[in-house]
């Protein structure tokens, strides 16, 4: 028991004075880019997964080898994909090349939005706070509820007949 007391006292004596001012070292956060100057991120929404490569350019968005306007024909989906750029204030400054798999068009657009947001934050870490406050960095974890046995759908019951 006395050995532990001595060792605790030794630790206390080795500990620095808590009143002394400590120098706070602020590290510069470097962007995560490859040798071609691109940043890579994956985005997910429902059962869709988007792989996104982002680089400086004229604002061209290519999804699965097609222009975004042709792949996402509905203007609402195009607006959804362009939201990270407008929130970060970097409209038409980056080129996007993305591959999207799984789910429907709405889920794919959400996955692409998530992937673009993450790639932007990797490319320019200064944009991360604005994207984070808008809620674009966080993955939307809502998925379809599974069907239960004895029911026609997840929660729907068969019609009740009293007689």
Protein backbone atom coordinates (compact mmCIF):
# COMPACT_ATOMS: atom_id res chain seq x y z
CA UNK A 1 0.00 0.00 0.00
CA UNK A 2 2.86 2.35 0.84
CA UNK A 3 4.47 1.64 -2.51
CA UNK A 4 1.35 2.86 -4.30
CA UNK A 5 1.29 6.01 -2.16
CA UNK A 6 4.88 6.70 -3.04
CA UNK A 7 4.25 6.09 -6.73
CA UNK A 8 1.19 8.38 -6.69
CA UNK A 9 3.21 11.08 -4.96
CA UNK A 10 5.93 10.63 -7.56
CA UNK A 11 3.35 11.06 -10.31
CA UNK A 12 2.03 14.23 -8.68
CA UNK A 13 5.50 15.69 -8.49
CA UNK A 14 6.10 14.87 -12.15
CA UNK A 15 2.85 16.50 -13.19
CA UNK A 16 3.22 20.04 -14.56
CA UNK A 17 1.93 23.06 -12.70
CA UNK A 18 -1.74 23.51 -13.77
CA UNK A 19 -1.52 27.32 -13.41
CA UNK A 20 1.28 27.64 -16.00
CA UNK A 21 0.06 28.91 -19.38
CA UNK A 22 0.26 26.33 -22.12
CA UNK A 23 0.96 27.15 -25.71
CA UNK A 24 -1.91 26.15 -27.93
CA UNK A 25 -0.66 24.73 -31.20
CA UNK A 26 -3.10 25.15 -34.05
CA UNK A 27 -2.38 22.74 -36.86
CA UNK A 28 -3.24 23.66 -40.39
CA UNK A 29 -5.72 21.20 -41.76
CA UNK A 30 -4.49 20.04 -45.13
CA UNK A 31 -6.78 19.03 -47.92
CA UNK A 32 -6.99 15.36 -48.85
CA UNK A 33 -6.23 15.23 -52.56
CA UNK A 34 -4.56 12.66 -54.80
CA UNK A 35 -1.73 13.20 -57.31
CA UNK A 36 -4.24 14.51 -59.90
CA UNK A 37 -5.58 17.21 -57.54
CA UNK A 38 -8.87 15.40 -56.93
CA UNK A 39 -10.60 14.63 -53.66
CA UNK A 40 -12.65 11.45 -53.27
CA UNK A 41 -15.64 10.74 -51.06
CA UNK A 42 -18.54 8.32 -50.83
CA UNK A 43 -22.07 9.43 -50.11
CA UNK A 44 -24.99 7.28 -49.01
CA UNK A 45 -28.75 7.73 -48.85
CA UNK A 46 -31.38 4.98 -48.45
CA UNK A 47 -29.86 2.07 -50.42
CA UNK A 48 -27.95 4.26 -52.92
CA UNK A 49 -24.17 4.71 -52.83
CA UNK A 50 -22.36 7.47 -54.73
CA UNK A 51 -18.62 7.56 -55.37
CA UNK A 52 -17.58 11.16 -56.04
CA UNK A 53 -14.36 12.63 -57.46
CA UNK A 54 -14.09 16.41 -57.20
CA UNK A 55 -11.52 18.71 -58.85
CA UNK A 56 -11.23 22.39 -59.80
CA UNK A 57 -13.02 23.18 -63.05
CA UNK A 58 -15.94 24.86 -64.76
CA UNK A 59 -18.81 23.25 -62.84
CA UNK A 60 -19.43 20.17 -65.03
CA UNK A 61 -21.24 17.36 -63.18
CA UNK A 62 -21.07 13.91 -64.80
CA UNK A 63 -23.07 11.07 -63.25
CA UNK A 64 -22.52 7.50 -64.55
CA UNK A 65 -21.03 8.88 -67.77
CA UNK A 66 -23.99 11.20 -68.47
CA UNK A 67 -24.50 14.90 -67.90
CA UNK A 68 -26.38 15.63 -64.66
CA UNK A 69 -29.25 17.25 -66.61
CA UNK A 70 -29.84 14.03 -68.53
CA UNK A 71 -29.36 11.63 -65.61
CA UNK A 72 -31.51 13.61 -63.16
CA UNK A 73 -34.27 14.92 -65.45
CA UNK A 74 -36.40 16.41 -62.64
CA UNK A 75 -35.36 19.96 -61.63
CA UNK A 76 -35.92 19.13 -57.96
CA UNK A 77 -33.23 16.43 -58.09
CA UNK A 78 -30.83 18.77 -59.91
CA UNK A 79 -31.42 21.40 -57.23
CA UNK A 80 -30.74 18.78 -54.55
CA UNK A 81 -27.39 17.89 -56.14
CA UNK A 82 -26.37 21.56 -56.49
CA UNK A 83 -27.25 22.52 -52.89
CA UNK A 84 -23.74 21.91 -51.42
CA UNK A 85 -22.20 24.31 -53.95
CA UNK A 86 -24.69 27.09 -53.23
CA UNK A 87 -24.36 26.71 -49.44
CA UNK A 88 -20.55 26.73 -49.63
CA UNK A 89 -20.58 29.62 -52.12
CA UNK A 90 -18.49 27.83 -54.76
CA UNK A 91 -21.00 27.51 -57.59
CA UNK A 92 -19.43 26.39 -60.91
CA UNK A 93 -15.89 26.19 -59.52
CA UNK A 94 -15.57 22.40 -59.33
CA UNK A 95 -16.00 19.51 -61.76
CA UNK A 96 -17.67 16.36 -60.45
CA UNK A 97 -17.31 12.85 -61.80
CA UNK A 98 -19.55 10.40 -59.94
CA UNK A 99 -20.80 6.85 -60.15
CA UNK A 100 -24.06 6.03 -58.39
CA UNK A 101 -25.49 2.57 -57.70
CA UNK A 102 -28.56 1.24 -55.95
CA UNK A 103 -31.88 2.73 -54.96
CA UNK A 104 -34.06 5.06 -57.00
CA UNK A 105 -33.37 8.48 -58.46
CA UNK A 106 -34.31 10.34 -55.28
CA UNK A 107 -31.98 8.23 -53.13
CA UNK A 108 -29.22 8.54 -55.72
CA UNK A 109 -29.55 12.33 -55.76
CA UNK A 110 -29.35 12.38 -51.95
CA UNK A 111 -26.30 10.11 -52.01
CA UNK A 112 -24.65 12.35 -54.58
CA UNK A 113 -25.37 15.43 -52.42
CA UNK A 114 -23.82 13.70 -49.41
CA UNK A 115 -20.76 12.64 -51.43
CA UNK A 116 -20.23 16.10 -52.93
CA UNK A 117 -20.45 17.68 -49.47
CA UNK A 118 -17.85 15.32 -48.06
CA UNK A 119 -15.56 15.76 -51.07
CA UNK A 120 -15.82 19.55 -50.77
CA UNK A 121 -14.89 19.38 -47.09
CA UNK A 122 -11.89 17.17 -47.95
CA UNK A 123 -10.78 19.48 -50.78
CA UNK A 124 -11.20 22.74 -48.82
CA UNK A 125 -11.47 22.13 -45.05
CA UNK A 126 -12.53 25.77 -44.57
CA UNK A 127 -15.89 24.94 -46.21
CA UNK A 128 -16.68 22.22 -43.67
CA UNK A 129 -18.41 24.41 -41.01
CA UNK A 130 -20.94 25.87 -43.45
CA UNK A 131 -21.72 22.42 -44.90
CA UNK A 132 -21.96 20.94 -41.39
CA UNK A 133 -24.41 23.58 -40.15
CA UNK A 134 -26.57 22.96 -43.24
CA UNK A 135 -26.61 19.24 -42.32
CA UNK A 136 -25.02 17.99 -45.54
CA UNK A 137 -22.05 16.16 -43.98
CA UNK A 138 -24.23 13.95 -41.76
CA UNK A 139 -25.51 10.78 -43.41
CA UNK A 140 -29.30 10.51 -43.44
CA UNK A 141 -29.74 7.06 -41.86
CA UNK A 142 -33.45 6.63 -42.60
CA UNK A 143 -34.13 3.46 -44.60
CA UNK A 144 -37.25 1.50 -45.52
CA UNK A 145 -38.69 -0.56 -42.68
CA UNK A 146 -38.75 -4.29 -43.32
CA UNK A 147 -41.96 -6.24 -43.97
CA UNK A 148 -43.20 -8.26 -41.01
CA UNK A 149 -44.76 -11.71 -41.25
CA UNK A 150 -48.53 -11.87 -40.83
CA UNK A 151 -48.89 -8.43 -42.39
CA UNK A 152 -49.17 -7.32 -46.02
CA UNK A 153 -46.59 -4.52 -45.50
CA UNK A 154 -44.34 -3.30 -42.69
CA UNK A 155 -47.17 -2.00 -40.47
CA UNK A 156 -50.39 -2.38 -42.49
CA UNK A 157 -52.74 -5.06 -41.16
CA UNK A 158 -55.29 -7.08 -43.07
CA UNK A 159 -58.86 -5.75 -42.91
CA UNK A 160 -60.61 -6.80 -39.73
CA UNK A 161 -63.92 -8.57 -40.13
CA UNK A 162 -66.15 -8.81 -37.09
CA UNK A 163 -68.53 -11.44 -38.61
